[in-house]
Amino acid sequence: MIRPALSLAKRELVRFFRQPHRVVGSLAQPLLIWAFLGAGFSPSFRAPGMEHLSYAEYFYPGVLLMLMLFAGIFSTITLIEDRAQGLMQGVLASPAPRMAIVLGKVAGGIAIAMLQAAPLLLAAPFLGIPLEWSGLAWILFGFLVSCLGFTALGFLIAWNMDSTAGFHAVMSILLMPMWMLSGALFPLDHAPTWLWALMTVNPVTHALTLIRTPLYHTPSDFLATPAYWNALIIAVTWAVVCLWLALWRVNRVEKGADMPA
């Protein structure tokens, strides 16, 4: 199982780096949003308890999350392209376990997302956020858990789609609300009650907590708080459920269910 999974993951990376416009576009969009919103909202950003933060600094974890979210999910669009080119039918007909397909595609998407988001951590010192090695390790761990859920969700949806246009439409409707209601744009604690409830049940909110918390607290501090552990449990559970659903959906093909044309 490991060898075909690694082969599929490697193919995703090779395809990504052979498309320079995709590399530039995936990085430029979050950076431009960060620059424009950071500059526009900083003069009026006055959240209680966060008076010392500029909006650019508050929005910084949200940009990291946006990179992970969009890179991880949209990397799975290659699943639709592989099906159209006949590659996926060949993989399904091979002796490779079905789990290898899921793990290979998901691992490739995670690697692409991590390679895009990790360099943006270099901006933290310029925002006055000191990063220590221990905190950096926990941020990367948050990246990994978050992107596992995002990419597995993208795989699950892409497997049931027969066109890239349909995939883009579905993901645009689903992704933007999930990201906007994660606390990336405004604090959770000061939202209206109905909006707070939506943000609380949103798994992306808890993924953002895994990224934001190590930026401002040492591991010994945040590992002693129930809030971080709640976010970790929810994010890990969400990632595992998405991965299990993706594997279940692929296994249905083996049992005779029709694969999308």
Protein backbone atom coordinates (compact mmCIF):
# COMPACT_ATOMS: atom_id res chain seq x y z
CA MET A 1 0.00 0.00 0.00
CA ILE A 2 2.83 2.41 0.84
CA ARG A 3 4.50 2.31 -2.57
CA PRO A 4 1.43 3.22 -4.69
CA ALA A 5 0.41 5.85 -2.12
CA LEU A 6 3.84 7.48 -2.31
CA SER A 7 3.74 7.32 -6.11
CA LEU A 8 0.41 9.15 -6.20
CA ALA A 9 1.63 11.73 -3.68
CA LYS A 10 4.81 12.32 -5.67
CA ARG A 11 2.76 12.76 -8.84
CA GLU A 12 0.73 15.50 -7.15
CA LEU A 13 3.88 17.38 -6.18
CA VAL A 14 5.46 17.05 -9.62
CA ARG A 15 2.28 18.25 -11.29
CA PHE A 16 2.04 21.21 -8.93
CA PHE A 17 5.59 22.46 -9.54
CA ARG A 18 5.25 22.01 -13.29
CA GLN A 19 2.47 24.60 -13.25
CA PRO A 20 4.13 27.89 -12.20
CA HIS A 21 0.91 29.85 -12.63
CA ARG A 22 -0.75 27.58 -10.07
CA VAL A 23 2.08 28.12 -7.60
CA VAL A 24 1.94 31.90 -7.99
CA GLY A 25 -1.85 32.08 -7.96
CA SER A 26 -2.28 29.97 -4.84
CA LEU A 27 0.12 32.23 -2.94
CA ALA A 28 -0.90 35.58 -4.41
CA GLN A 29 -4.61 35.42 -3.56
CA PRO A 30 -4.26 35.07 0.25
CA LEU A 31 -1.39 37.57 0.36
CA LEU A 32 -3.36 40.19 -1.57
CA ILE A 33 -6.42 39.67 0.66
CA TRP A 34 -4.19 40.01 3.72
CA ALA A 35 -2.56 43.19 2.39
CA PHE A 36 -5.80 44.89 1.38
CA LEU A 37 -7.91 43.93 4.40
CA GLY A 38 -5.02 44.51 6.80
CA ALA A 39 -4.46 48.00 5.48
CA GLY A 40 -8.15 48.82 5.24
CA PHE A 41 -9.39 47.59 8.61
CA SER A 42 -6.38 48.34 10.83
CA PRO A 43 -7.44 51.96 11.60
CA SER A 44 -10.90 50.85 12.78
CA PHE A 45 -10.08 47.51 14.42
CA ARG A 46 -10.83 47.92 18.13
CA ALA A 47 -11.86 44.54 19.51
CA PRO A 48 -12.15 44.48 23.33
CA GLY A 49 -9.06 42.93 24.86
CA MET A 50 -7.15 43.17 21.56
CA GLU A 51 -6.36 46.88 21.48
CA HIS A 52 -2.65 46.10 21.14
CA LEU A 53 -3.20 44.18 17.89
CA SER A 54 -3.34 45.67 14.44
CA TYR A 55 -5.83 44.06 12.09
CA ALA A 56 -2.96 42.80 9.92
CA GLU A 57 -1.60 40.92 12.92
CA TYR A 58 -5.03 39.62 13.97
CA PHE A 59 -5.75 38.48 10.42
CA TYR A 60 -2.37 36.76 10.04
CA PRO A 61 -3.44 33.32 11.41
CA GLY A 62 -6.52 33.54 9.19
CA VAL A 63 -4.30 33.97 6.14
CA LEU A 64 -2.28 30.91 7.15
CA LEU A 65 -5.53 28.99 7.54
CA MET A 66 -6.78 30.25 4.17
CA LEU A 67 -3.65 28.97 2.47
CA MET A 68 -4.10 25.55 4.06
CA LEU A 69 -7.81 25.43 3.32
CA PHE A 70 -7.66 26.40 -0.33
CA ALA A 71 -4.42 24.62 -1.19
CA GLY A 72 -5.48 21.38 0.49
CA ILE A 73 -8.97 21.19 -0.95
CA PHE A 74 -8.28 22.48 -4.44
CA SER A 75 -5.33 20.10 -4.82
CA THR A 76 -7.90 17.30 -4.99
CA ILE A 77 -9.34 18.73 -8.20
CA THR A 78 -6.69 16.63 -9.97
CA LEU A 79 -8.82 13.61 -9.05
CA ILE A 80 -11.42 14.76 -11.59
CA GLU A 81 -8.70 15.37 -14.20
CA ASP A 82 -7.17 11.92 -13.60
CA ARG A 83 -10.58 10.33 -14.09
CA ALA A 84 -11.14 12.21 -17.36
CA GLN A 85 -7.71 11.10 -18.63
CA GLY A 86 -8.29 7.47 -17.68
CA LEU A 87 -5.54 7.31 -15.06
CA MET A 88 -7.89 6.72 -12.16
CA GLN A 89 -9.60 3.83 -13.92
CA GLY A 90 -6.18 2.23 -14.35
CA VAL A 91 -5.36 2.72 -10.67
CA LEU A 92 -8.69 1.19 -9.64
CA ALA A 93 -8.03 -1.81 -11.87
CA SER A 94 -4.58 -2.37 -10.36
CA PRO A 95 -3.92 -4.57 -7.30
CA ALA A 96 -3.21 -1.47 -5.19
CA PRO A 97 -5.46 -1.23 -2.10
CA ARG A 98 -8.17 1.39 -2.26
CA MET A 99 -6.71 3.01 0.83
CA ALA A 100 -3.55 3.76 -1.19
CA ILE A 101 -5.58 5.97 -3.53
CA VAL A 102 -7.01 7.99 -0.67
CA LEU A 103 -3.75 8.24 1.27
CA GLY A 104 -1.70 9.10 -1.81
CA LYS A 105 -3.97 11.88 -2.99
CA VAL A 106 -4.49 13.26 0.52
CA ALA A 107 -0.75 13.11 1.34
CA GLY A 108 0.07 14.93 -1.88
CA GLY A 109 -2.45 17.66 -1.08
CA ILE A 110 -1.13 18.04 2.46
CA ALA A 111 2.46 18.34 1.19
CA ILE A 112 1.44 21.04 -1.31
CA ALA A 113 -0.46 23.00 1.33
CA MET A 114 2.37 22.75 3.87
CA LEU A 115 4.94 23.90 1.30
CA GLN A 116 2.83 26.97 0.59
CA ALA A 117 1.86 27.92 4.14
CA ALA A 118 5.10 27.20 6.01
CA PRO A 119 7.19 29.95 4.28
CA LEU A 120 4.59 32.53 5.33
CA LEU A 121 5.61 31.90 8.94
CA LEU A 122 8.69 33.99 8.13
CA ALA A 123 6.43 37.04 8.30
CA ALA A 124 5.67 36.50 12.00
CA PRO A 125 8.74 38.37 13.39
CA PHE A 126 7.90 41.39 11.22
CA LEU A 127 4.50 41.54 12.93
CA GLY A 128 6.10 41.48 16.36
CA ILE A 129 5.27 37.81 16.97
CA PRO A 130 8.32 36.01 18.36
CA LEU A 131 8.46 32.38 17.26
CA GLU A 132 10.34 29.78 19.28
CA TRP A 133 11.14 26.31 18.02
CA SER A 134 8.67 24.67 20.37
CA GLY A 135 5.86 26.99 19.26
CA LEU A 136 6.80 26.52 15.61
CA ALA A 137 6.53 22.75 15.98
CA TRP A 138 3.02 23.06 17.39
CA ILE A 139 1.99 25.43 14.60
CA LEU A 140 3.19 22.92 12.00
CA PHE A 141 1.28 20.23 13.87
CA GLY A 142 -1.82 22.43 13.62
CA PHE A 143 -1.16 22.79 9.89
CA LEU A 144 -0.98 19.02 9.52
CA VAL A 145 -4.19 18.27 11.42
CA SER A 146 -6.11 21.07 9.70
CA CYS A 147 -4.96 20.19 6.22
CA LEU A 148 -5.73 16.51 6.71
CA GLY A 149 -9.37 17.42 7.30
CA PHE A 150 -9.49 19.93 4.44
CA THR A 151 -7.86 17.62 1.89
CA ALA A 152 -9.90 14.56 2.87
CA LEU A 153 -13.06 16.66 2.53
CA GLY A 154 -11.92 17.85 -0.89
CA PHE A 155 -11.22 14.25 -1.95
CA LEU A 156 -14.66 13.14 -0.81
CA ILE A 157 -16.40 15.87 -2.79
CA ALA A 158 -14.17 15.55 -5.88
CA TRP A 159 -14.79 11.79 -6.04
CA ASN A 160 -18.49 12.47 -6.56
CA MET A 161 -18.03 15.22 -9.16
CA ASP A 162 -17.67 14.79 -12.91
CA SER A 163 -16.49 18.28 -13.86
CA THR A 164 -14.00 20.80 -12.50
CA ALA A 165 -16.55 23.58 -12.99
CA GLY A 166 -19.00 21.81 -10.69
CA PHE A 167 -16.28 21.19 -8.13
CA HIS A 168 -15.32 24.89 -8.10
CA ALA A 169 -18.96 25.90 -7.67
CA VAL A 170 -19.57 23.54 -4.76
CA MET A 171 -16.32 24.37 -3.01
CA SER A 172 -16.80 28.12 -3.39
CA ILE A 173 -20.20 27.89 -1.73
CA LEU A 174 -18.83 25.65 1.02
CA LEU A 175 -15.31 26.99 1.58
CA MET A 176 -15.80 30.72 1.91
CA PRO A 177 -18.52 30.53 4.59
CA MET A 178 -16.48 27.97 6.56
CA TRP A 179 -13.42 30.21 6.45
CA MET A 180 -15.30 33.45 7.13
CA LEU A 181 -17.07 31.87 10.14
CA SER A 182 -13.85 30.54 11.65
CA GLY A 183 -12.83 33.69 13.50
CA ALA A 184 -10.32 34.58 10.80
CA LEU A 185 -12.05 37.88 9.99
CA PHE A 186 -13.48 38.86 13.38
CA PRO A 187 -13.27 37.53 16.95
CA LEU A 188 -15.59 34.73 17.99
CA ASP A 189 -16.27 36.12 21.45
CA HIS A 190 -17.80 39.37 20.24
CA ALA A 191 -20.10 37.95 17.54
CA PRO A 192 -23.93 37.94 17.87
CA THR A 193 -25.36 34.87 19.57
CA TRP A 194 -26.66 33.18 16.40
CA LEU A 195 -23.37 33.82 14.61
CA TRP A 196 -21.38 32.61 17.62
CA ALA A 197 -23.33 29.33 17.53
CA LEU A 198 -22.51 28.80 13.83
CA MET A 199 -18.85 29.59 14.43
CA THR A 200 -18.66 27.22 17.39
CA VAL A 201 -19.89 24.20 15.42
CA ASN A 202 -17.67 25.06 12.46
CA PRO A 203 -14.64 22.68 12.47
CA VAL A 204 -12.52 25.32 10.75
CA THR A 205 -12.90 27.51 13.86
CA HIS A 206 -11.11 24.88 15.92
CA ALA A 207 -8.48 24.39 13.22
CA LEU A 208 -7.74 28.12 13.48
CA THR A 209 -7.33 27.77 17.26
CA LEU A 210 -4.59 25.18 16.68
CA ILE A 211 -2.72 27.71 14.53
CA ARG A 212 -3.40 30.93 16.42
CA THR A 213 -2.74 29.76 19.99
CA PRO A 214 0.95 28.75 19.59
CA LEU A 215 1.69 32.14 18.05
CA TYR A 216 1.02 33.93 21.34
CA HIS A 217 1.46 31.32 24.05
CA THR A 218 4.13 28.84 25.05
CA PRO A 219 3.30 25.11 24.90
CA SER A 220 3.42 24.85 28.69
CA ASP A 221 0.71 27.52 28.89
CA PHE A 222 -1.77 26.47 26.22
CA LEU A 223 -1.43 22.72 26.85
CA ALA A 224 -2.78 23.39 30.34
CA THR A 225 -5.99 25.00 29.02
CA PRO A 226 -9.18 23.04 28.20
CA ALA A 227 -9.89 25.35 25.24
CA TYR A 228 -6.87 24.13 23.28
CA TRP A 229 -7.58 20.47 24.02
CA ASN A 230 -11.21 20.88 22.98
CA ALA A 231 -10.10 22.43 19.69
CA LEU A 232 -7.55 19.65 19.16
CA ILE A 233 -10.05 16.87 19.84
CA ILE A 234 -12.65 18.40 17.51
CA ALA A 235 -10.12 19.08 14.72
CA VAL A 236 -8.64 15.56 14.93
CA THR A 237 -12.09 13.96 15.03
CA TRP A 238 -13.21 15.98 12.02
CA ALA A 239 -10.06 15.00 10.08
CA VAL A 240 -10.46 11.30 10.91
CA VAL A 241 -14.16 11.31 9.99
CA CYS A 242 -13.47 13.01 6.63
CA LEU A 243 -10.67 10.54 5.89
CA TRP A 244 -12.87 7.56 6.84
CA LEU A 245 -15.73 8.84 4.65
CA ALA A 246 -13.34 9.26 1.72
CA LEU A 247 -12.10 5.70 2.13
CA TRP A 248 -15.66 4.38 2.49
CA ARG A 249 -16.70 6.14 -0.70
CA VAL A 250 -13.77 4.71 -2.67
CA ASN A 251 -14.44 1.21 -1.33
CA ARG A 252 -17.97 1.38 -2.73
CA VAL A 253 -16.48 1.16 -6.23
CA GLU A 254 -14.94 -2.17 -5.36
CA LYS A 255 -18.32 -3.45 -4.24
CA GLY A 256 -19.92 -2.63 -7.57
CA ALA A 257 -21.14 0.94 -7.15
CA ASP A 258 -20.77 3.09 -10.25
CA MET A 259 -17.93 5.56 -10.38
CA PRO A 260 -18.85 9.03 -11.65
CA ALA A 261 -18.28 9.28 -15.40
